[in-house]
PDB file of all heavy atoms in Angstrom:
ATOM      1  N   TYR A   1     -66.049 -40.202 -90.665  1.00  0.00           N
ATOM      2  CA  TYR A   1     -66.509 -38.998 -89.759  1.00  0.00           C
ATOM      3  C   TYR A   1     -67.824 -39.223 -89.101  1.00  0.00           C
ATOM      4  O   TYR A   1     -67.995 -38.757 -88.012  1.00  0.00           O
ATOM      5  CB  TYR A   1     -66.572 -37.752 -90.720  1.00  0.00           C
ATOM      6  CG  TYR A   1     -65.324 -37.190 -91.285  1.00  0.00           C
ATOM      7  CD1 TYR A   1     -65.153 -36.826 -92.516  1.00  0.00           C
ATOM      8  CD2 TYR A   1     -64.223 -37.081 -90.404  1.00  0.00           C
ATOM      9  CE1 TYR A   1     -63.934 -36.211 -93.013  1.00  0.00           C
ATOM     10  CE2 TYR A   1     -63.045 -36.611 -90.880  1.00  0.00           C
ATOM     11  CZ  TYR A   1     -62.925 -36.173 -92.151  1.00  0.00           C
ATOM     12  OH  TYR A   1     -61.704 -35.662 -92.640  1.00  0.00           O
ATOM     13  N   GLU A   2     -68.793 -39.917 -89.815  1.00  0.00           N
ATOM     14  CA  GLU A   2     -70.026 -40.124 -89.152  1.00  0.00           C
ATOM     15  C   GLU A   2     -69.906 -40.960 -87.946  1.00  0.00           C
ATOM     16  O   GLU A   2     -70.575 -40.670 -86.890  1.00  0.00           O
ATOM     17  CB  GLU A   2     -71.012 -40.783 -90.160  1.00  0.00           C
ATOM     18  CG  GLU A   2     -71.358 -40.036 -91.531  1.00  0.00           C
ATOM     19  CD  GLU A   2     -72.051 -40.773 -92.419  1.00  0.00           C
ATOM     20  OE1 GLU A   2     -72.455 -42.000 -92.165  1.00  0.00           O
ATOM     21  OE2 GLU A   2     -72.210 -40.433 -93.593  1.00  0.00           O
ATOM     22  N   ASP A   3     -69.139 -41.908 -87.909  1.00  0.00           N
ATOM     23  CA  ASP A   3     -68.940 -42.846 -86.794  1.00  0.00           C
ATOM     24  C   ASP A   3     -68.035 -42.277 -85.808  1.00  0.00           C
ATOM     25  O   ASP A   3     -68.204 -42.467 -84.596  1.00  0.00           O
ATOM     26  CB  ASP A   3     -68.517 -44.189 -87.292  1.00  0.00           C
ATOM     27  CG  ASP A   3     -68.603 -45.313 -86.191  1.00  0.00           C
ATOM     28  OD1 ASP A   3     -69.824 -45.305 -85.564  1.00  0.00           O
ATOM     29  OD2 ASP A   3     -67.784 -46.130 -85.963  1.00  0.00           O
ATOM     30  N   LEU A   4     -67.111 -41.449 -86.054  1.00  0.00           N
ATOM     31  CA  LEU A   4     -66.101 -40.865 -85.175  1.00  0.00           C
ATOM     32  C   LEU A   4     -66.882 -40.067 -84.073  1.00  0.00           C
ATOM     33  O   LEU A   4     -66.494 -40.356 -82.848  1.00  0.00           O
ATOM     34  CB  LEU A   4     -65.116 -39.867 -85.837  1.00  0.00           C
ATOM     35  CG  LEU A   4     -64.171 -39.292 -84.971  1.00  0.00           C
ATOM     36  CD1 LEU A   4     -63.268 -40.248 -84.246  1.00  0.00           C
ATOM     37  CD2 LEU A   4     -63.275 -38.310 -85.942  1.00  0.00           C
ATOM     38  N   VAL A   5     -67.839 -39.399 -84.381  1.00  0.00           N
ATOM     39  CA  VAL A   5     -68.625 -38.622 -83.343  1.00  0.00           C
ATOM     40  C   VAL A   5     -69.122 -39.591 -82.368  1.00  0.00           C
ATOM     41  O   VAL A   5     -69.243 -39.262 -81.156  1.00  0.00           O
ATOM     42  CB  VAL A   5     -69.784 -37.674 -84.082  1.00  0.00           C
ATOM     43  CG1 VAL A   5     -70.580 -37.086 -83.056  1.00  0.00           C
ATOM     44  CG2 VAL A   5     -69.067 -36.700 -85.036  1.00  0.00           C
ATOM     45  N   LYS A   6     -69.686 -40.700 -82.761  1.00  0.00           N
ATOM     46  CA  LYS A   6     -70.340 -41.695 -81.875  1.00  0.00           C
ATOM     47  C   LYS A   6     -69.281 -42.257 -80.884  1.00  0.00           C
ATOM     48  O   LYS A   6     -69.552 -42.822 -79.863  1.00  0.00           O
ATOM     49  CB  LYS A   6     -71.087 -42.751 -82.666  1.00  0.00           C
ATOM     50  CG  LYS A   6     -72.219 -42.187 -83.535  1.00  0.00           C
ATOM     51  CD  LYS A   6     -72.776 -43.298 -84.421  1.00  0.00           C
ATOM     52  CE  LYS A   6     -73.720 -42.735 -85.464  1.00  0.00           C
ATOM     53  NZ  LYS A   6     -74.165 -43.837 -86.455  1.00  0.00           N
ATOM     54  N   GLN A   7     -68.049 -42.341 -81.438  1.00  0.00           N
ATOM     55  CA  GLN A   7     -66.936 -43.090 -80.712  1.00  0.00           C
ATOM     56  C   GLN A   7     -66.191 -42.168 -79.769  1.00  0.00           C
ATOM     57  O   GLN A   7     -65.243 -42.719 -79.014  1.00  0.00           O
ATOM     58  CB  GLN A   7     -66.054 -43.785 -81.724  1.00  0.00           C
ATOM     59  CG  GLN A   7     -66.765 -44.629 -82.687  1.00  0.00           C
ATOM     60  CD  GLN A   7     -67.133 -46.027 -81.999  1.00  0.00           C
ATOM     61  OE1 GLN A   7     -66.702 -46.395 -80.994  1.00  0.00           O
ATOM     62  NE2 GLN A   7     -68.040 -46.657 -82.624  1.00  0.00           N
ATOM     63  N   ILE A   8     -66.354 -40.961 -79.854  1.00  0.00           N
ATOM     64  CA  ILE A   8     -65.419 -39.945 -79.296  1.00  0.00           C
ATOM     65  C   ILE A   8     -65.276 -40.091 -77.770  1.00  0.00           C
ATOM     66  O   ILE A   8     -64.223 -39.837 -77.188  1.00  0.00           O
ATOM     67  CB  ILE A   8     -65.876 -38.468 -79.648  1.00  0.00           C
ATOM     68  CG1 ILE A   8     -64.628 -37.522 -79.646  1.00  0.00           C
ATOM     69  CG2 ILE A   8     -66.922 -37.919 -78.667  1.00  0.00           C
ATOM     70  CD1 ILE A   8     -63.771 -37.868 -80.734  1.00  0.00           C
ATOM     71  N   ASP A   9     -66.191 -40.648 -77.038  1.00  0.00           N
ATOM     72  CA  ASP A   9     -66.119 -40.748 -75.654  1.00  0.00           C
ATOM     73  C   ASP A   9     -64.960 -41.751 -75.231  1.00  0.00           C
ATOM     74  O   ASP A   9     -64.570 -41.657 -74.090  1.00  0.00           O
ATOM     75  CB  ASP A   9     -67.552 -41.151 -74.987  1.00  0.00           C
ATOM     76  CG  ASP A   9     -68.546 -40.045 -74.953  1.00  0.00           C
ATOM     77  OD1 ASP A   9     -68.074 -38.852 -75.095  1.00  0.00           O
ATOM     78  OD2 ASP A   9     -69.642 -40.350 -74.802  1.00  0.00           O
ATOM     79  N   SER A  10     -64.701 -42.788 -76.118  1.00  0.00           N
ATOM     80  CA  SER A  10     -63.798 -43.656 -75.836  1.00  0.00           C
ATOM     81  C   SER A  10     -62.405 -43.275 -76.189  1.00  0.00           C
ATOM     82  O   SER A  10     -61.370 -43.880 -75.672  1.00  0.00           O
ATOM     83  CB  SER A  10     -64.088 -45.097 -76.451  1.00  0.00           C
ATOM     84  OG  SER A  10     -63.856 -45.012 -77.791  1.00  0.00           O
ATOM     85  N   VAL A  11     -62.230 -42.332 -77.002  1.00  0.00           N
ATOM     86  CA  VAL A  11     -60.969 -41.824 -77.561  1.00  0.00           C
ATOM     87  C   VAL A  11     -60.229 -41.106 -76.532  1.00  0.00           C
ATOM     88  O   VAL A  11     -60.711 -40.230 -75.864  1.00  0.00           O
ATOM     89  CB  VAL A  11     -61.124 -41.088 -78.874  1.00  0.00           C
ATOM     90  CG1 VAL A  11     -59.766 -40.511 -79.336  1.00  0.00           C
ATOM     91  CG2 VAL A  11     -61.848 -41.867 -79.876  1.00  0.00           C
ATOM     92  N   ARG A  12     -58.914 -41.493 -76.481  1.00  0.00           N
ATOM     93  CA  ARG A  12     -57.930 -40.757 -75.436  1.00  0.00           C
ATOM     94  C   ARG A  12     -56.659 -40.271 -76.296  1.00  0.00           C
ATOM     95  O   ARG A  12     -55.985 -39.400 -75.734  1.00  0.00           O
ATOM     96  CB  ARG A  12     -57.398 -41.707 -74.344  1.00  0.00           C
ATOM     97  CG  ARG A  12     -58.583 -42.113 -73.458  1.00  0.00           C
ATOM     98  CD  ARG A  12     -59.155 -40.918 -72.674  1.00  0.00           C
ATOM     99  NE  ARG A  12     -60.189 -41.323 -71.772  1.00  0.00           N
ATOM    100  CZ  ARG A  12     -61.545 -41.131 -72.085  1.00  0.00           C
ATOM    101  NH1 ARG A  12     -61.853 -40.819 -73.312  1.00  0.00           N
ATOM    102  NH2 ARG A  12     -62.524 -41.338 -71.284  1.00  0.00           N
ATOM    103  N   PHE A  13     -56.441 -40.797 -77.491  1.00  0.00           N
ATOM    104  CA  PHE A  13     -55.239 -40.427 -78.173  1.00  0.00           C
ATOM    105  C   PHE A  13     -55.571 -40.336 -79.752  1.00  0.00           C
ATOM    106  O   PHE A  13     -56.185 -41.229 -80.326  1.00  0.00           O
ATOM    107  CB  PHE A  13     -54.151 -41.519 -77.947  1.00  0.00           C
ATOM    108  CG  PHE A  13     -53.735 -41.732 -76.628  1.00  0.00           C
ATOM    109  CD1 PHE A  13     -54.247 -42.902 -75.957  1.00  0.00           C
ATOM    110  CD2 PHE A  13     -52.763 -40.989 -76.058  1.00  0.00           C
ATOM    111  CE1 PHE A  13     -53.911 -43.156 -74.648  1.00  0.00           C
ATOM    112  CE2 PHE A  13     -52.457 -41.318 -74.627  1.00  0.00           C
ATOM    113  CZ  PHE A  13     -52.942 -42.344 -74.030  1.00  0.00           C
ATOM    114  N   PHE A  14     -55.252 -39.164 -80.148  1.00  0.00           N
ATOM    115  CA  PHE A  14     -55.153 -38.883 -81.582  1.00  0.00           C
ATOM    116  C   PHE A  14     -53.773 -38.795 -82.160  1.00  0.00           C
ATOM    117  O   PHE A  14     -52.995 -38.136 -81.498  1.00  0.00           O
ATOM    118  CB  PHE A  14     -55.903 -37.638 -82.081  1.00  0.00           C
ATOM    119  CG  PHE A  14     -57.395 -37.528 -82.021  1.00  0.00           C
ATOM    120  CD1 PHE A  14     -58.013 -36.509 -81.757  1.00  0.00           C
ATOM    121  CD2 PHE A  14     -58.110 -38.797 -82.251  1.00  0.00           C
ATOM    122  CE1 PHE A  14     -59.518 -36.403 -81.643  1.00  0.00           C
ATOM    123  CE2 PHE A  14     -59.537 -38.752 -82.351  1.00  0.00           C
ATOM    124  CZ  PHE A  14     -60.167 -37.588 -82.000  1.00  0.00           C
ATOM    125  N   GLU A  15     -53.448 -39.661 -83.203  1.00  0.00           N
ATOM    126  CA  GLU A  15     -52.052 -39.353 -83.806  1.00  0.00           C
ATOM    127  C   GLU A  15     -52.408 -38.908 -85.165  1.00  0.00           C
ATOM    128  O   GLU A  15     -53.094 -39.476 -86.052  1.00  0.00           O
ATOM    129  CB  GLU A  15     -51.213 -40.717 -83.908  1.00  0.00           C
ATOM    130  CG  GLU A  15     -49.920 -40.522 -84.518  1.00  0.00           C
ATOM    131  CD  GLU A  15     -48.965 -41.553 -84.090  1.00  0.00           C
ATOM    132  OE1 GLU A  15     -49.233 -42.356 -83.228  1.00  0.00           O
ATOM    133  OE2 GLU A  15     -47.824 -41.602 -84.729  1.00  0.00           O
ATOM    134  N   ILE A  16     -51.858 -37.652 -85.606  1.00  0.00           N
ATOM    135  CA  ILE A  16     -52.225 -37.021 -86.839  1.00  0.00           C
ATOM    136  C   ILE A  16     -51.016 -36.918 -87.700  1.00  0.00           C
ATOM    137  O   ILE A  16     -50.119 -36.108 -87.380  1.00  0.00           O
ATOM    138  CB  ILE A  16     -52.978 -35.736 -86.581  1.00  0.00           C
ATOM    139  CG1 ILE A  16     -54.174 -35.915 -85.576  1.00  0.00           C
ATOM    140  CG2 ILE A  16     -53.430 -35.108 -87.841  1.00  0.00           C
ATOM    141  CD1 ILE A  16     -54.861 -34.615 -85.348  1.00  0.00           C
ATOM    142  N   THR A  17     -50.999 -37.632 -88.837  1.00  0.00           N
ATOM    143  CA  THR A  17     -49.922 -37.565 -89.719  1.00  0.00           C
ATOM    144  C   THR A  17     -50.515 -37.314 -91.097  1.00  0.00           C
ATOM    145  O   THR A  17     -51.475 -36.651 -91.190  1.00  0.00           O
ATOM    146  CB  THR A  17     -49.067 -38.823 -89.636  1.00  0.00           C
ATOM    147  OG1 THR A  17     -49.885 -39.969 -89.971  1.00  0.00           O
ATOM    148  CG2 THR A  17     -48.399 -39.092 -88.338  1.00  0.00           C
ATOM    149  N   GLY A  18     -49.707 -37.677 -92.138  1.00  0.00           N
ATOM    150  CA  GLY A  18     -50.377 -37.293 -93.421  1.00  0.00           C
ATOM    151  C   GLY A  18     -49.676 -38.135 -94.532  1.00  0.00           C
ATOM    152  O   GLY A  18     -49.492 -39.320 -94.310  1.00  0.00           O
ATOM    153  N   GLY A  19     -49.411 -37.595 -95.602  1.00  0.00           N
ATOM    154  CA  GLY A  19     -49.256 -36.109 -95.931  1.00  0.00           C
ATOM    155  C   GLY A  19     -48.569 -35.287 -94.886  1.00  0.00           C
ATOM    156  O   GLY A  19     -47.988 -35.757 -93.953  1.00  0.00           O
ATOM    157  N   GLU A  20     -48.750 -34.039 -95.003  1.00  0.00           N
ATOM    158  CA  GLU A  20     -48.353 -33.018 -93.950  1.00  0.00           C
ATOM    159  C   GLU A  20     -49.621 -32.656 -93.272  1.00  0.00           C
ATOM    160  O   GLU A  20     -50.376 -31.828 -93.730  1.00  0.00           O
ATOM    161  CB  GLU A  20     -47.576 -31.844 -94.498  1.00  0.00           C
ATOM    162  CG  GLU A  20     -47.296 -30.665 -93.613  1.00  0.00           C
ATOM    163  CD  GLU A  20     -46.726 -31.029 -92.368  1.00  0.00           C
ATOM    164  OE1 GLU A  20     -45.888 -31.850 -92.223  1.00  0.00           O
ATOM    165  OE2 GLU A  20     -47.373 -30.564 -91.330  1.00  0.00           O
ATOM    166  N   PRO A  21     -49.686 -33.089 -91.985  1.00  0.00           N
ATOM    167  CA  PRO A  21     -50.948 -32.875 -91.279  1.00  0.00           C
ATOM    168  C   PRO A  21     -51.286 -31.335 -90.949  1.00  0.00           C
ATOM    169  O   PRO A  21     -52.551 -31.114 -91.035  1.00  0.00           O
ATOM    170  CB  PRO A  21     -50.756 -33.593 -89.947  1.00  0.00           C
ATOM    171  CG  PRO A  21     -49.293 -33.671 -89.720  1.00  0.00           C
ATOM    172  CD  PRO A  21     -48.706 -33.868 -91.195  1.00  0.00           C
ATOM    173  N   LEU A  22     -50.340 -30.553 -90.918  1.00  0.00           N
ATOM    174  CA  LEU A  22     -50.678 -29.080 -90.539  1.00  0.00           C
ATOM    175  C   LEU A  22     -51.053 -28.432 -91.784  1.00  0.00           C
ATOM    176  O   LEU A  22     -51.432 -27.213 -91.748  1.00  0.00           O
ATOM    177  CB  LEU A  22     -49.436 -28.459 -89.948  1.00  0.00           C
ATOM    178  CG  LEU A  22     -49.055 -29.088 -88.472  1.00  0.00           C
ATOM    179  CD1 LEU A  22     -47.910 -28.337 -87.974  1.00  0.00           C
ATOM    180  CD2 LEU A  22     -50.276 -29.050 -87.587  1.00  0.00           C
ATOM    181  N   MET A  23     -50.996 -29.024 -93.025  1.00  0.00           N
ATOM    182  CA  MET A  23     -51.628 -28.518 -94.263  1.00  0.00           C
ATOM    183  C   MET A  23     -53.059 -28.899 -94.520  1.00  0.00           C
ATOM    184  O   MET A  23     -53.618 -28.609 -95.380  1.00  0.00           O
ATOM    185  CB  MET A  23     -50.720 -28.848 -95.476  1.00  0.00           C
ATOM    186  CG  MET A  23     -49.307 -28.145 -95.461  1.00  0.00           C
ATOM    187  SD  MET A  23     -48.357 -28.711 -96.870  1.00  0.00           S
ATOM    188  CE  MET A  23     -49.355 -27.999 -98.129  1.00  0.00           C
ATOM    189  N   ILE A  24     -53.417 -29.957 -93.775  1.00  0.00           N
ATOM    190  CA  ILE A  24     -54.757 -30.750 -93.968  1.00  0.00           C
ATOM    191  C   ILE A  24     -55.756 -30.174 -93.003  1.00  0.00           C
ATOM    192  O   ILE A  24     -55.772 -30.415 -91.878  1.00  0.00           O
ATOM    193  CB  ILE A  24     -54.556 -32.277 -93.882  1.00  0.00           C
ATOM    194  CG1 ILE A  24     -53.522 -32.800 -94.932  1.00  0.00           C
ATOM    195  CG2 ILE A  24     -55.852 -32.934 -94.019  1.00  0.00           C
ATOM    196  CD1 ILE A  24     -53.154 -34.181 -94.688  1.00  0.00           C
ATOM    197  N   LYS A  25     -56.555 -29.229 -93.549  1.00  0.00           N
ATOM    198  CA  LYS A  25     -57.448 -28.445 -92.670  1.00  0.00           C
ATOM    199  C   LYS A  25     -58.677 -29.289 -91.937  1.00  0.00           C
ATOM    200  O   LYS A  25     -59.095 -28.935 -90.915  1.00  0.00           O
ATOM    201  CB  LYS A  25     -58.105 -27.306 -93.370  1.00  0.00           C
ATOM    202  CG  LYS A  25     -57.009 -26.285 -93.948  1.00  0.00           C
ATOM    203  CD  LYS A  25     -56.053 -25.807 -92.892  1.00  0.00           C
ATOM    204  CE  LYS A  25     -54.986 -24.861 -93.477  1.00  0.00           C
ATOM    205  NZ  LYS A  25     -54.055 -24.464 -92.392  1.00  0.00           N
ATOM    206  N   GLU A  26     -58.859 -30.390 -92.564  1.00  0.00           N
ATOM    207  CA  GLU A  26     -60.009 -31.283 -92.058  1.00  0.00           C
ATOM    208  C   GLU A  26     -59.690 -31.717 -90.668  1.00  0.00           C
ATOM    209  O   GLU A  26     -60.554 -31.918 -89.863  1.00  0.00           O
ATOM    210  CB  GLU A  26     -60.204 -32.467 -93.025  1.00  0.00           C
ATOM    211  CG  GLU A  26     -60.958 -32.126 -94.263  1.00  0.00           C
ATOM    212  CD  GLU A  26     -59.980 -31.465 -95.352  1.00  0.00           C
ATOM    213  OE1 GLU A  26     -58.830 -31.446 -95.119  1.00  0.00           O
ATOM    214  OE2 GLU A  26     -60.624 -30.806 -96.240  1.00  0.00           O
ATOM    215  N   GLN A  27     -58.403 -32.048 -90.354  1.00  0.00           N
ATOM    216  CA  GLN A  27     -58.127 -32.445 -89.075  1.00  0.00           C
ATOM    217  C   GLN A  27     -58.324 -31.331 -87.910  1.00  0.00           C
ATOM    218  O   GLN A  27     -58.676 -31.657 -86.860  1.00  0.00           O
ATOM    219  CB  GLN A  27     -56.683 -32.893 -88.969  1.00  0.00           C
ATOM    220  CG  GLN A  27     -55.570 -31.909 -89.301  1.00  0.00           C
ATOM    221  CD  GLN A  27     -55.002 -31.077 -88.155  1.00  0.00           C
ATOM    222  OE1 GLN A  27     -55.297 -31.272 -87.021  1.00  0.00           O
ATOM    223  NE2 GLN A  27     -54.156 -30.129 -88.465  1.00  0.00           N
ATOM    224  N   PHE A  28     -58.225 -30.016 -88.345  1.00  0.00           N
ATOM    225  CA  PHE A  28     -58.552 -29.000 -87.392  1.00  0.00           C
ATOM    226  C   PHE A  28     -60.097 -28.998 -87.193  1.00  0.00           C
ATOM    227  O   PHE A  28     -60.663 -28.637 -86.073  1.00  0.00           O
ATOM    228  CB  PHE A  28     -58.106 -27.593 -87.879  1.00  0.00           C
ATOM    229  CG  PHE A  28     -56.586 -27.477 -87.790  1.00  0.00           C
ATOM    230  CD1 PHE A  28     -55.936 -27.127 -88.959  1.00  0.00           C
ATOM    231  CD2 PHE A  28     -55.901 -27.683 -86.686  1.00  0.00           C
ATOM    232  CE1 PHE A  28     -54.470 -27.017 -88.979  1.00  0.00           C
ATOM    233  CE2 PHE A  28     -54.520 -27.570 -86.647  1.00  0.00           C
ATOM    234  CZ  PHE A  28     -53.853 -27.209 -87.701  1.00  0.00           C
ATOM    235  N   GLN A  29     -60.848 -29.236 -88.160  1.00  0.00           N
ATOM    236  CA  GLN A  29     -62.342 -29.383 -88.021  1.00  0.00           C
ATOM    237  C   GLN A  29     -62.725 -30.567 -87.146  1.00  0.00           C
ATOM    238  O   GLN A  29     -63.645 -30.343 -86.293  1.00  0.00           O
ATOM    239  CB  GLN A  29     -62.980 -29.643 -89.366  1.00  0.00           C
ATOM    240  CG  GLN A  29     -62.791 -28.576 -90.423  1.00  0.00           C
ATOM    241  CD  GLN A  29     -63.151 -28.855 -91.826  1.00  0.00           C
ATOM    242  OE1 GLN A  29     -63.799 -29.878 -92.071  1.00  0.00           O
ATOM    243  NE2 GLN A  29     -62.857 -27.958 -92.757  1.00  0.00           N
ATOM    244  N   VAL A  30     -61.962 -31.553 -87.155  1.00  0.00           N
ATOM    245  CA  VAL A  30     -62.286 -32.796 -86.239  1.00  0.00           C
ATOM    246  C   VAL A  30     -61.919 -32.212 -84.754  1.00  0.00           C
ATOM    247  O   VAL A  30     -62.763 -32.486 -83.781  1.00  0.00           O
ATOM    248  CB  VAL A  30     -61.386 -33.886 -86.594  1.00  0.00           C
ATOM    249  CG1 VAL A  30     -61.423 -35.100 -85.461  1.00  0.00           C
ATOM    250  CG2 VAL A  30     -61.896 -34.621 -87.953  1.00  0.00           C
ATOM    251  N   LEU A  31     -60.856 -31.538 -84.579  1.00  0.00           N
ATOM    252  CA  LEU A  31     -60.484 -31.116 -83.228  1.00  0.00           C
ATOM    253  C   LEU A  31     -61.497 -30.107 -82.654  1.00  0.00           C
ATOM    254  O   LEU A  31     -61.829 -30.035 -81.469  1.00  0.00           O
ATOM    255  CB  LEU A  31     -59.000 -30.611 -83.315  1.00  0.00           C
ATOM    256  CG  LEU A  31     -57.937 -31.537 -83.623  1.00  0.00           C
ATOM    257  CD1 LEU A  31     -56.602 -30.762 -83.416  1.00  0.00           C
ATOM    258  CD2 LEU A  31     -57.929 -32.832 -82.883  1.00  0.00           C
ATOM    259  N   GLN A  32     -61.966 -29.277 -83.613  1.00  0.00           N
ATOM    260  CA  GLN A  32     -62.989 -28.285 -83.233  1.00  0.00           C
ATOM    261  C   GLN A  32     -64.168 -28.949 -82.731  1.00  0.00           C
ATOM    262  O   GLN A  32     -64.850 -28.517 -81.783  1.00  0.00           O
ATOM    263  CB  GLN A  32     -63.222 -27.284 -84.320  1.00  0.00           C
ATOM    264  CG  GLN A  32     -64.156 -26.222 -83.945  1.00  0.00           C
ATOM    265  CD  GLN A  32     -63.605 -25.355 -82.817  1.00  0.00           C
ATOM    266  OE1 GLN A  32     -62.527 -24.739 -82.928  1.00  0.00           O
ATOM    267  NE2 GLN A  32     -64.353 -25.207 -81.660  1.00  0.00           N
ATOM    268  N   ARG A  33     -64.554 -30.026 -83.434  1.00  0.00           N
ATOM    269  CA  ARG A  33     -65.771 -30.713 -83.034  1.00  0.00           C
ATOM    270  C   ARG A  33     -65.617 -31.450 -81.611  1.00  0.00           C
ATOM    271  O   ARG A  33     -66.526 -31.381 -80.897  1.00  0.00           O
ATOM    272  CB  ARG A  33     -65.954 -31.904 -84.073  1.00  0.00           C
ATOM    273  CG  ARG A  33     -67.449 -32.642 -83.848  1.00  0.00           C
ATOM    274  CD  ARG A  33     -68.577 -31.800 -84.163  1.00  0.00           C
ATOM    275  NE  ARG A  33     -69.848 -32.501 -83.984  1.00  0.00           N
ATOM    276  CZ  ARG A  33     -70.509 -33.152 -84.907  1.00  0.00           C
ATOM    277  NH1 ARG A  33     -70.002 -33.175 -86.053  1.00  0.00           N
ATOM    278  NH2 ARG A  33     -71.623 -33.730 -84.662  1.00  0.00           N
ATOM    279  N   CYS A  34     -64.350 -31.882 -81.364  1.00  0.00           N
ATOM    280  CA  CYS A  34     -64.111 -32.402 -80.012  1.00  0.00           C
ATOM    281  C   CYS A  34     -64.196 -31.373 -79.019  1.00  0.00           C
ATOM    282  O   CYS A  34     -64.663 -31.548 -77.796  1.00  0.00           O
ATOM    283  CB  CYS A  34     -62.643 -32.899 -80.023  1.00  0.00           C
ATOM    284  SG  CYS A  34     -62.434 -34.485 -81.034  1.00  0.00           S
ATOM    285  N   VAL A  35     -63.755 -30.126 -79.270  1.00  0.00           N
ATOM    286  CA  VAL A  35     -63.938 -29.001 -78.310  1.00  0.00           C
ATOM    287  C   VAL A  35     -65.362 -28.689 -78.069  1.00  0.00           C
ATOM    288  O   VAL A  35     -65.763 -28.608 -76.990  1.00  0.00           O
ATOM    289  CB  VAL A  35     -63.113 -27.678 -78.872  1.00  0.00           C
ATOM    290  CG1 VAL A  35     -63.362 -26.523 -78.006  1.00  0.00           C
ATOM    291  CG2 VAL A  35     -61.657 -27.991 -79.044  1.00  0.00           C
ATOM    292  N   ASP A  36     -66.125 -28.657 -79.187  1.00  0.00           N
ATOM    293  CA  ASP A  36     -67.569 -28.265 -79.131  1.00  0.00           C
ATOM    294  C   ASP A  36     -68.318 -29.354 -78.280  1.00  0.00           C
ATOM    295  O   ASP A  36     -69.184 -29.084 -77.536  1.00  0.00           O
ATOM    296  CB  ASP A  36     -68.145 -28.187 -80.473  1.00  0.00           C
ATOM    297  CG  ASP A  36     -67.584 -27.042 -81.316  1.00  0.00           C
ATOM    298  OD1 ASP A  36     -67.013 -26.107 -80.729  1.00  0.00           O
ATOM    299  OD2 ASP A  36     -67.778 -27.123 -82.532  1.00  0.00           O
ATOM    300  N   MET A  37     -67.936 -30.620 -78.333  1.00  0.00           N
ATOM    301  CA  MET A  37     -68.554 -31.723 -77.606  1.00  0.00           C
ATOM    302  C   MET A  37     -68.086 -31.841 -76.126  1.00  0.00           C
ATOM    303  O   MET A  37     -68.607 -32.641 -75.415  1.00  0.00           O
ATOM    304  CB  MET A  37     -68.413 -33.016 -78.346  1.00  0.00           C
ATOM    305  CG  MET A  37     -68.967 -33.185 -79.754  1.00  0.00           C
ATOM    306  SD  MET A  37     -68.569 -34.670 -80.513  1.00  0.00           S
ATOM    307  CE  MET A  37     -69.448 -35.842 -79.560  1.00  0.00           C
ATOM    308  N   GLY A  38     -67.054 -31.136 -75.849  1.00  0.00           N
ATOM    309  CA  GLY A  38     -66.522 -31.173 -74.481  1.00  0.00           C
ATOM    310  C   GLY A  38     -65.628 -32.347 -74.254  1.00  0.00           C
ATOM    311  O   GLY A  38     -65.248 -32.760 -73.113  1.00  0.00           O
TER     312      GLY A  38
END
């Protein structure tokens, strides 16, 4: 997580699986961080 924020400008694709990803709330926190960072 610490490094993901530093790398976010290069990212164009997230693939989110699991487990069942829609039960894993941490991925929504990652997405919200992307929204907050523009």
